[in-house]
Amino acid sequence: MGPEELGPWAPLPVANAVRLFRPASIRWWLTGGHALEAHLGRSWRTHDDTDIGISRQDAPQLRSVLQGWDIHIAAGGALTPWDGLPLEPDRSDHAATNLWCRPSPDEAWALDVTIGEGDNDQWIYRRDPTIRLAWNKAILTSRAGVPYLAPELQLLFKAKNPRPKDDLDAATLMPELSPEQHTWLLRHLPPNHPWGFRRGRLTPSSLYKTIPMSILRYITHPSVNIDPNVPVPRWGLSEKGRRQTQAMLRQPWVASIGRIVSSGETKALETAEILAAHLGLTVEVRPGTGENDRSATGFVPPDEFERLADTFFAQPEVSIQGWERAVDAQARIVSGLADLLDPATQLDQTTDNPATNISTATDIAVIGHGGVGTLWYCHLTGKAINRKHDQPGQGHYFSADLVTSSVLHAWQPIDGLGQ
């Protein structure tokens, strides 16, 4: 990897590196060319080094993994002994993003530990912090149980100044990417990048432009009329709820909605119909997207409901007084909305603008409920089911990128108040 004057390399075999890191308590993953090989399960070229990625926040714990090793910061064409202290983030050419490691100062360099960015929930692209993915999408697992950087992310790093071996990697990997991975990479490659002309479904002339940003807004119904004598799924909006919905119509993001999908429950349908009338659209009623089934208890007083809801989220694999289990409700909502996040579906539904010859797409609004909406939010963000991710109250929404399924922000009020 480095110039010869910085010392010779004798790369640690991948299997040996995996044995070193497998017991570690920190998040780690294969990166570089070996990560691409892990994805396809085969090799097509030789490698100059062995790369392991860790997150910056875990870097101080590296010495507990490589006990007794000689570790240097490799930056700006020079090596500096690392004291084991936290590495500060820096996007300059002299950033501390690589640690060269060898068993002792007398031996050849054996391992390149790459410092990745991220927080507890998301991987963050070092060169552009606005590019983020949930960790469960950024770090995949091979058939052998080895974690590795997702191929579209690895190729994005390689795309900055591609060498012949990087071009070979792109030519080998890009035809093997899933539609979601391929579309994500095309969206984030620099304009007119040569790798944008690979894979046949999109036309080469403007690949990087053909997939516009389209957003799914998951919107929960606002306040309802509570009537103990009426089944909960048939409760309608209260006057306050209708005012909240009318206020939502004035939000700037509403104008981009071109498709409305709704649960079949009355309160969600009434919200969807107000939105549809405003935009001149029709409402698709989507089976399987209703709130968690609580018919076993029916109406319960508010204090009792909150206690049951807490237990519902805290014990997702248990039926609480006959309620649908959280894990089952989550599986149902994920299945019920899966096609909306299918990249192939999004490509099929884009329309050509004859004035610009660039495809356009519209946003989708899904009108639903707080419980299953929170379960879907947990699924999309890779978080464990937990009520701490619940909406603050009725009448909130979160947004997700239709192609990458990445959640763009957490719950926000539909009427814009409190933002």
Protein backbone atom coordinates (compact mmCIF):
# COMPACT_ATOMS: atom_id res chain seq x y z
CA MET A 1 0.00 0.00 0.00
CA GLY A 2 2.63 2.53 1.00
CA PRO A 3 5.89 3.65 -0.56
CA GLU A 4 8.79 1.29 -0.06
CA GLU A 5 10.70 3.75 2.11
CA LEU A 6 8.07 3.34 4.82
CA GLY A 7 9.03 -0.29 5.20
CA PRO A 8 8.21 -3.61 3.55
CA TRP A 9 4.84 -5.32 3.69
CA ALA A 10 4.08 -8.96 4.43
CA PRO A 11 0.25 -8.92 4.58
CA LEU A 12 -1.32 -11.00 7.30
CA PRO A 13 -3.49 -13.72 5.74
CA VAL A 14 -7.16 -12.80 5.97
CA ALA A 15 -7.94 -15.91 8.01
CA ASN A 16 -5.32 -14.88 10.58
CA ALA A 17 -6.67 -11.34 10.75
CA VAL A 18 -10.18 -12.69 11.28
CA ARG A 19 -8.93 -14.88 14.14
CA LEU A 20 -7.35 -11.83 15.77
CA PHE A 21 -10.48 -9.70 15.56
CA ARG A 22 -13.27 -12.25 16.00
CA PRO A 23 -13.12 -12.18 19.83
CA ALA A 24 -13.04 -8.36 19.89
CA SER A 25 -15.90 -6.49 21.54
CA ILE A 26 -15.66 -3.64 19.00
CA ARG A 27 -17.37 -3.45 15.60
CA TRP A 28 -14.93 -4.48 12.85
CA TRP A 29 -15.10 -5.52 9.21
CA LEU A 30 -13.03 -6.53 6.20
CA THR A 31 -12.42 -3.63 3.86
CA GLY A 32 -10.53 -3.07 0.60
CA GLY A 33 -10.29 -5.74 -2.08
CA HIS A 34 -10.77 -8.56 0.40
CA ALA A 35 -14.21 -7.14 1.29
CA LEU A 36 -15.24 -7.34 -2.35
CA GLU A 37 -14.04 -10.92 -2.52
CA ALA A 38 -16.01 -11.75 0.62
CA HIS A 39 -19.13 -10.46 -1.11
CA LEU A 40 -18.74 -12.67 -4.18
CA GLY A 41 -17.07 -15.57 -2.42
CA ARG A 42 -14.21 -15.75 -4.91
CA SER A 43 -10.92 -14.07 -5.84
CA TRP A 44 -9.87 -12.45 -9.14
CA ARG A 45 -6.59 -10.65 -8.32
CA THR A 46 -3.73 -10.50 -5.83
CA HIS A 47 -3.63 -8.04 -2.91
CA ASP A 48 -0.83 -5.85 -1.59
CA ASP A 49 -2.19 -5.68 1.95
CA THR A 50 -4.87 -6.82 4.35
CA ASP A 51 -7.36 -4.18 5.50
CA ILE A 52 -9.59 -4.23 8.56
CA GLY A 53 -12.06 -1.43 9.28
CA ILE A 54 -13.12 -0.15 12.68
CA SER A 55 -15.12 2.90 13.73
CA ARG A 56 -13.30 5.97 15.00
CA GLN A 57 -15.06 5.82 18.35
CA ASP A 58 -13.68 2.30 18.88
CA ALA A 59 -10.08 3.11 17.88
CA PRO A 60 -8.75 3.47 21.47
CA GLN A 61 -9.73 -0.17 22.06
CA LEU A 62 -7.59 -1.43 19.17
CA ARG A 63 -4.58 -1.99 21.42
CA SER A 64 -6.57 -4.53 23.42
CA VAL A 65 -7.06 -6.48 20.19
CA LEU A 66 -3.47 -6.12 18.91
CA GLN A 67 -1.68 -6.41 22.23
CA GLY A 68 2.05 -5.75 21.93
CA TRP A 69 1.88 -4.73 18.26
CA ASP A 70 3.75 -1.78 16.80
CA ILE A 71 1.11 0.65 15.46
CA HIS A 72 1.71 3.84 13.48
CA ILE A 73 -0.58 6.48 11.99
CA ALA A 74 -0.11 6.55 8.21
CA ALA A 75 -1.03 10.02 6.89
CA GLY A 76 0.39 12.53 4.45
CA GLY A 77 3.07 10.13 3.22
CA ALA A 78 4.59 9.69 6.68
CA LEU A 79 4.33 7.34 9.65
CA THR A 80 3.87 8.55 13.22
CA PRO A 81 3.85 6.24 16.27
CA TRP A 82 0.33 6.06 17.69
CA ASP A 83 -0.05 6.65 21.41
CA GLY A 84 -3.42 4.91 21.55
CA LEU A 85 -5.34 8.10 22.23
CA PRO A 86 -8.58 8.94 20.35
CA LEU A 87 -8.10 9.92 16.71
CA GLU A 88 -9.76 13.21 15.92
CA PRO A 89 -11.91 13.36 12.73
CA ASP A 90 -10.35 15.30 9.88
CA ARG A 91 -11.27 15.17 6.18
CA SER A 92 -7.95 16.60 4.94
CA ASP A 93 -5.27 14.60 3.13
CA HIS A 94 -3.40 14.39 6.44
CA ALA A 95 -6.30 12.81 8.33
CA ALA A 96 -5.60 9.90 10.64
CA THR A 97 -7.64 7.33 8.76
CA ASN A 98 -5.13 4.46 8.52
CA LEU A 99 -3.17 2.66 11.18
CA TRP A 100 -0.30 0.46 9.96
CA CYS A 101 0.28 -2.45 12.26
CA ARG A 102 3.04 -5.06 12.67
CA PRO A 103 3.77 -7.61 15.41
CA SER A 104 7.04 -5.86 16.32
CA PRO A 105 9.22 -2.97 15.05
CA ASP A 106 11.61 -5.48 13.47
CA GLU A 107 8.96 -7.10 11.29
CA ALA A 108 7.21 -6.10 8.07
CA TRP A 109 3.90 -4.27 8.13
CA ALA A 110 1.14 -6.86 8.34
CA LEU A 111 -2.19 -5.07 8.71
CA ASP A 112 -3.78 -1.80 7.62
CA VAL A 113 -6.56 -0.79 10.02
CA THR A 114 -8.85 1.72 8.34
CA ILE A 115 -10.66 4.18 10.59
CA GLY A 116 -14.29 4.49 9.57
CA GLU A 117 -16.82 7.09 10.60
CA GLY A 118 -20.16 6.47 12.24
CA ASP A 119 -22.26 6.76 15.35
CA ASN A 120 -24.14 4.14 17.31
CA ASP A 121 -26.78 3.77 14.59
CA GLN A 122 -25.26 4.66 11.23
CA TRP A 123 -22.15 4.31 9.09
CA ILE A 124 -21.05 7.72 7.76
CA TYR A 125 -19.07 8.31 4.57
CA ARG A 126 -15.88 10.07 5.61
CA ARG A 127 -15.68 12.27 2.50
CA ASP A 128 -19.30 13.45 2.73
CA PRO A 129 -20.99 13.13 6.14
CA THR A 130 -24.43 13.59 4.57
CA ILE A 131 -24.09 10.10 3.07
CA ARG A 132 -25.17 7.60 5.72
CA LEU A 133 -26.45 4.05 6.01
CA ALA A 134 -27.71 1.98 8.90
CA TRP A 135 -24.92 -0.28 10.13
CA ASN A 136 -26.84 -3.42 9.12
CA LYS A 137 -26.79 -2.22 5.51
CA ALA A 138 -23.22 -0.89 5.58
CA ILE A 139 -21.60 -3.96 7.13
CA LEU A 140 -22.67 -7.30 5.67
CA THR A 141 -21.70 -10.83 6.68
CA SER A 142 -20.13 -13.45 4.42
CA ARG A 143 -21.20 -17.08 4.29
CA ALA A 144 -18.28 -17.80 6.60
CA GLY A 145 -19.62 -15.34 9.14
CA VAL A 146 -17.04 -12.63 8.45
CA PRO A 147 -18.24 -8.99 8.50
CA TYR A 148 -17.27 -6.88 5.48
CA LEU A 149 -17.94 -3.42 4.08
CA ALA A 150 -20.86 -3.47 1.64
CA PRO A 151 -19.56 -3.53 -1.95
CA GLU A 152 -21.29 -0.34 -3.08
CA LEU A 153 -19.58 1.56 -0.24
CA GLN A 154 -16.20 0.02 -1.01
CA LEU A 155 -16.55 0.94 -4.68
CA LEU A 156 -17.52 4.50 -3.75
CA PHE A 157 -14.21 4.84 -1.88
CA LYS A 158 -12.33 3.37 -4.83
CA ALA A 159 -14.06 5.68 -7.31
CA LYS A 160 -12.24 8.84 -6.15
CA ASN A 161 -8.94 8.13 -7.96
CA PRO A 162 -9.39 4.69 -9.55
CA ARG A 163 -6.28 2.64 -10.31
CA PRO A 164 -6.25 -0.25 -12.79
CA LYS A 165 -7.02 -2.70 -9.98
CA ASP A 166 -9.98 -0.53 -8.91
CA ASP A 167 -11.32 -0.54 -12.47
CA LEU A 168 -11.00 -4.32 -12.46
CA ASP A 169 -12.88 -4.51 -9.16
CA ALA A 170 -15.67 -2.30 -10.51
CA ALA A 171 -15.95 -4.33 -13.72
CA THR A 172 -16.19 -7.51 -11.66
CA LEU A 173 -18.56 -6.30 -8.94
CA MET A 174 -21.01 -3.95 -10.58
CA PRO A 175 -22.82 -6.62 -12.62
CA GLU A 176 -23.22 -8.61 -9.40
CA LEU A 177 -24.73 -5.85 -7.26
CA SER A 178 -28.38 -6.00 -6.26
CA PRO A 179 -30.64 -3.35 -7.84
CA GLU A 180 -30.66 -1.45 -4.54
CA GLN A 181 -26.87 -1.53 -4.22
CA HIS A 182 -26.33 -0.59 -7.85
CA THR A 183 -28.76 2.32 -7.76
CA TRP A 184 -27.24 3.61 -4.52
CA LEU A 185 -23.77 3.59 -6.06
CA LEU A 186 -24.94 5.33 -9.24
CA ARG A 187 -26.58 8.04 -7.20
CA HIS A 188 -23.41 8.76 -5.23
CA LEU A 189 -20.75 8.45 -7.94
CA PRO A 190 -19.39 11.80 -9.17
CA PRO A 191 -21.10 13.11 -12.33
CA ASN A 192 -19.82 11.51 -15.55
CA HIS A 193 -17.74 8.99 -13.64
CA PRO A 194 -16.71 6.17 -16.04
CA TRP A 195 -18.12 3.51 -13.73
CA GLY A 196 -21.55 5.04 -14.23
CA PHE A 197 -21.70 3.47 -17.68
CA ARG A 198 -21.81 -0.10 -16.42
CA ARG A 199 -24.76 -2.46 -16.18
CA GLY A 200 -27.43 -2.41 -18.78
CA ARG A 201 -30.78 -1.32 -17.48
CA LEU A 202 -29.97 2.40 -17.27
CA THR A 203 -28.87 4.35 -20.33
CA PRO A 204 -25.18 5.40 -20.22
CA SER A 205 -25.73 9.02 -21.27
CA SER A 206 -27.00 10.23 -17.91
CA LEU A 207 -26.85 7.39 -15.41
CA TYR A 208 -26.07 9.62 -12.49
CA LYS A 209 -29.14 11.74 -13.22
CA THR A 210 -31.71 9.08 -13.98
CA ILE A 211 -32.58 8.22 -10.39
CA PRO A 212 -33.86 11.40 -8.74
CA MET A 213 -34.31 11.58 -5.01
CA SER A 214 -37.77 10.24 -4.21
CA ILE A 215 -38.99 10.07 -0.67
CA LEU A 216 -41.50 7.99 1.25
CA ARG A 217 -43.26 9.87 4.05
CA TYR A 218 -44.72 7.59 6.69
CA ILE A 219 -47.47 9.70 8.27
CA THR A 220 -49.44 8.70 11.35
CA HIS A 221 -53.06 9.76 11.76
CA PRO A 222 -53.51 12.71 14.15
CA SER A 223 -55.93 12.96 17.09
CA VAL A 224 -59.01 10.73 17.09
CA ASN A 225 -62.45 10.52 18.68
CA ILE A 226 -62.19 7.90 21.41
CA ASP A 227 -65.41 5.93 21.78
CA PRO A 228 -65.38 2.84 24.03
CA ASN A 229 -68.51 1.58 22.24
CA VAL A 230 -66.87 1.56 18.80
CA PRO A 231 -64.13 -0.89 17.71
CA VAL A 232 -60.78 0.89 17.72
CA PRO A 233 -60.13 0.39 13.95
CA ARG A 234 -63.35 2.33 13.27
CA TRP A 235 -62.46 5.39 15.31
CA GLY A 236 -62.42 8.55 13.20
CA LEU A 237 -60.54 11.83 13.41
CA SER A 238 -61.48 14.37 16.03
CA GLU A 239 -61.90 18.04 15.18
CA LYS A 240 -58.38 18.59 16.51
CA GLY A 241 -57.14 15.81 14.21
CA ARG A 242 -58.79 17.43 11.20
CA ARG A 243 -57.16 20.77 12.06
CA GLN A 244 -53.79 19.02 12.31
CA THR A 245 -54.34 17.44 8.90
CA GLN A 246 -55.33 20.76 7.33
CA ALA A 247 -52.20 22.34 8.79
CA MET A 248 -50.15 19.51 7.25
CA LEU A 249 -51.41 20.51 3.80
CA ARG A 250 -49.49 23.78 4.14
CA GLN A 251 -46.15 22.04 4.70
CA PRO A 252 -43.73 22.44 1.74
CA TRP A 253 -43.01 18.70 1.40
CA VAL A 254 -46.67 17.88 0.69
CA ALA A 255 -46.57 19.28 -2.86
CA SER A 256 -44.11 16.57 -3.95
CA ILE A 257 -46.44 13.70 -3.04
CA GLY A 258 -47.71 11.84 -6.09
CA ARG A 259 -49.03 8.65 -4.55
CA ILE A 260 -51.01 7.99 -1.37
CA VAL A 261 -51.17 4.61 0.35
CA SER A 262 -53.26 4.08 3.46
CA SER A 263 -54.20 1.61 6.11
CA GLY A 264 -57.83 0.57 5.93
CA GLU A 265 -58.62 1.84 9.43
CA THR A 266 -61.05 4.77 9.53
CA LYS A 267 -58.74 7.31 11.18
CA ALA A 268 -55.98 6.65 8.64
CA LEU A 269 -58.39 6.70 5.71
CA GLU A 270 -59.89 10.02 6.77
CA THR A 271 -56.40 11.52 6.97
CA ALA A 272 -55.51 10.08 3.57
CA GLU A 273 -58.73 11.34 1.96
CA ILE A 274 -58.11 14.92 3.13
CA LEU A 275 -54.60 14.76 1.67
CA ALA A 276 -55.84 13.15 -1.56
CA ALA A 277 -58.55 15.78 -2.07
CA HIS A 278 -55.96 18.52 -1.64
CA LEU A 279 -53.60 16.97 -4.22
CA GLY A 280 -56.19 15.60 -6.64
CA LEU A 281 -55.07 12.01 -6.06
CA THR A 282 -56.76 8.75 -5.18
CA VAL A 283 -56.05 6.63 -2.12
CA GLU A 284 -54.69 3.08 -2.33
CA VAL A 285 -55.89 1.03 0.62
CA ARG A 286 -53.09 -1.34 1.51
CA PRO A 287 -53.94 -4.60 3.34
CA GLY A 288 -51.63 -5.58 6.17
CA THR A 289 -50.70 -2.05 7.20
CA GLY A 290 -53.17 -1.51 10.05
CA GLU A 291 -52.23 -0.94 13.66
CA ASN A 292 -51.20 -3.85 15.86
CA ASP A 293 -54.22 -6.06 16.54
CA ARG A 294 -55.57 -5.23 20.00
CA SER A 295 -59.02 -6.74 19.52
CA ALA A 296 -58.46 -9.16 22.41
CA THR A 297 -58.84 -6.28 24.87
CA GLY A 298 -60.65 -3.67 22.79
CA PHE A 299 -60.78 -0.25 24.40
CA VAL A 300 -58.78 0.14 27.60
CA PRO A 301 -58.47 3.34 29.67
CA PRO A 302 -55.48 5.54 28.73
CA ASP A 303 -53.33 4.71 31.77
CA GLU A 304 -53.84 0.99 31.26
CA PHE A 305 -53.20 1.34 27.53
CA GLU A 306 -49.84 3.03 28.14
CA ARG A 307 -48.81 0.23 30.50
CA LEU A 308 -49.77 -2.41 27.94
CA ALA A 309 -48.02 -0.50 25.14
CA ASP A 310 -44.82 -0.30 27.20
CA THR A 311 -44.92 -4.07 27.67
CA PHE A 312 -45.77 -4.63 23.99
CA PHE A 313 -42.49 -2.97 22.96
CA ALA A 314 -40.44 -4.30 25.87
CA GLN A 315 -41.41 -7.93 25.21
CA PRO A 316 -41.76 -8.07 21.40
CA GLU A 317 -41.95 -11.86 21.24
CA VAL A 318 -44.74 -12.12 23.81
CA SER A 319 -48.47 -11.61 23.25
CA ILE A 320 -49.65 -9.06 25.79
CA GLN A 321 -53.17 -9.99 26.94
CA GLY A 322 -53.87 -11.49 23.54
CA TRP A 323 -52.50 -8.58 21.49
CA GLU A 324 -50.63 -9.30 18.28
CA ARG A 325 -46.95 -9.73 19.13
CA ALA A 326 -44.65 -6.85 18.17
CA VAL A 327 -42.43 -9.14 16.09
CA ASP A 328 -45.46 -10.31 14.12
CA ALA A 329 -46.79 -6.79 13.62
CA GLN A 330 -43.35 -5.72 12.43
CA ALA A 331 -43.11 -8.60 9.95
CA ARG A 332 -46.57 -7.71 8.66
CA ILE A 333 -45.84 -4.01 8.07
CA VAL A 334 -42.44 -4.77 6.52
CA SER A 335 -44.06 -7.22 4.10
CA GLY A 336 -47.01 -4.93 3.42
CA LEU A 337 -44.81 -2.01 2.34
CA ALA A 338 -41.84 -3.91 0.87
CA ASP A 339 -42.68 -3.21 -2.77
CA LEU A 340 -42.67 0.55 -2.14
CA LEU A 341 -38.93 0.34 -1.40
CA ASP A 342 -38.06 -1.91 -4.36
CA PRO A 343 -35.56 -0.02 -6.59
CA ALA A 344 -36.86 -1.82 -9.69
CA THR A 345 -40.37 -0.60 -8.89
CA GLN A 346 -39.10 2.94 -8.54
CA LEU A 347 -37.37 2.76 -11.91
CA ASP A 348 -40.54 1.46 -13.54
CA GLN A 349 -42.57 4.33 -12.08
CA THR A 350 -40.28 7.18 -13.08
CA THR A 351 -41.45 9.28 -16.02
CA ASP A 352 -39.38 11.02 -18.67
CA ASN A 353 -39.45 14.79 -18.83
CA PRO A 354 -39.23 15.51 -22.59
CA ALA A 355 -37.83 18.97 -21.96
CA THR A 356 -34.78 17.69 -20.12
CA ASN A 357 -34.64 13.99 -21.05
CA ILE A 358 -34.15 13.28 -17.34
CA SER A 359 -36.36 10.94 -15.39
CA THR A 360 -38.52 12.37 -12.63
CA ALA A 361 -40.26 10.70 -9.74
CA THR A 362 -42.73 11.64 -7.07
CA ASP A 363 -42.86 11.05 -3.35
CA ILE A 364 -45.12 8.50 -1.68
CA ALA A 365 -47.19 9.15 1.42
CA VAL A 366 -48.13 6.16 3.57
CA ILE A 367 -50.84 6.98 6.08
CA GLY A 368 -50.67 4.66 9.04
CA HIS A 369 -50.30 4.29 12.77
CA GLY A 370 -47.81 4.99 15.53
CA GLY A 371 -47.28 1.43 16.75
CA VAL A 372 -46.59 -0.33 13.46
CA GLY A 373 -44.94 2.83 12.15
CA THR A 374 -42.43 2.65 14.99
CA LEU A 375 -41.85 -1.04 14.29
CA TRP A 376 -41.17 -0.22 10.62
CA TYR A 377 -38.87 2.65 11.66
CA CYS A 378 -36.90 0.21 13.83
CA HIS A 379 -36.61 -2.20 10.90
CA LEU A 380 -35.41 0.46 8.44
CA THR A 381 -32.83 1.88 10.86
CA GLY A 382 -31.60 -1.51 12.06
CA LYS A 383 -32.60 -0.76 15.64
CA ALA A 384 -33.98 -3.27 18.12
CA ILE A 385 -37.68 -2.93 18.88
CA ASN A 386 -37.94 -0.36 21.64
CA ARG A 387 -40.59 2.18 22.56
CA LYS A 388 -37.96 4.90 22.84
CA HIS A 389 -38.24 5.12 19.03
CA ASP A 390 -42.01 5.71 19.21
CA GLN A 391 -43.58 8.91 17.87
CA PRO A 392 -43.97 11.69 20.47
CA GLY A 393 -47.73 11.76 19.84
CA GLN A 394 -50.36 11.21 17.18
CA GLY A 395 -49.83 13.09 13.93
CA HIS A 396 -46.12 12.68 13.18
CA TYR A 397 -44.07 11.46 10.21
CA PHE A 398 -40.63 10.23 9.25
CA SER A 399 -39.08 10.09 5.79
CA ALA A 400 -37.06 7.45 3.96
CA ASP A 401 -35.16 7.44 0.68
CA LEU A 402 -37.25 5.29 -1.68
CA VAL A 403 -34.23 3.69 -3.34
CA THR A 404 -31.78 3.11 -0.50
CA SER A 405 -34.42 2.64 2.24
CA SER A 406 -32.33 4.95 4.43
CA VAL A 407 -34.31 6.91 7.01
CA LEU A 408 -33.67 10.61 6.45
CA HIS A 409 -34.95 11.93 9.76
CA ALA A 410 -36.79 10.81 12.88
CA TRP A 411 -40.38 11.65 13.79
CA GLN A 412 -41.52 15.23 13.12
CA PRO A 413 -44.98 16.78 13.67
CA ILE A 414 -47.13 16.81 10.53
CA ASP A 415 -48.39 20.33 11.20
CA GLY A 416 -44.85 21.76 11.46
CA LEU A 417 -45.32 22.85 15.07
CA GLY A 418 -42.34 22.34 17.34
CA GLN A 419 -39.87 22.01 14.44
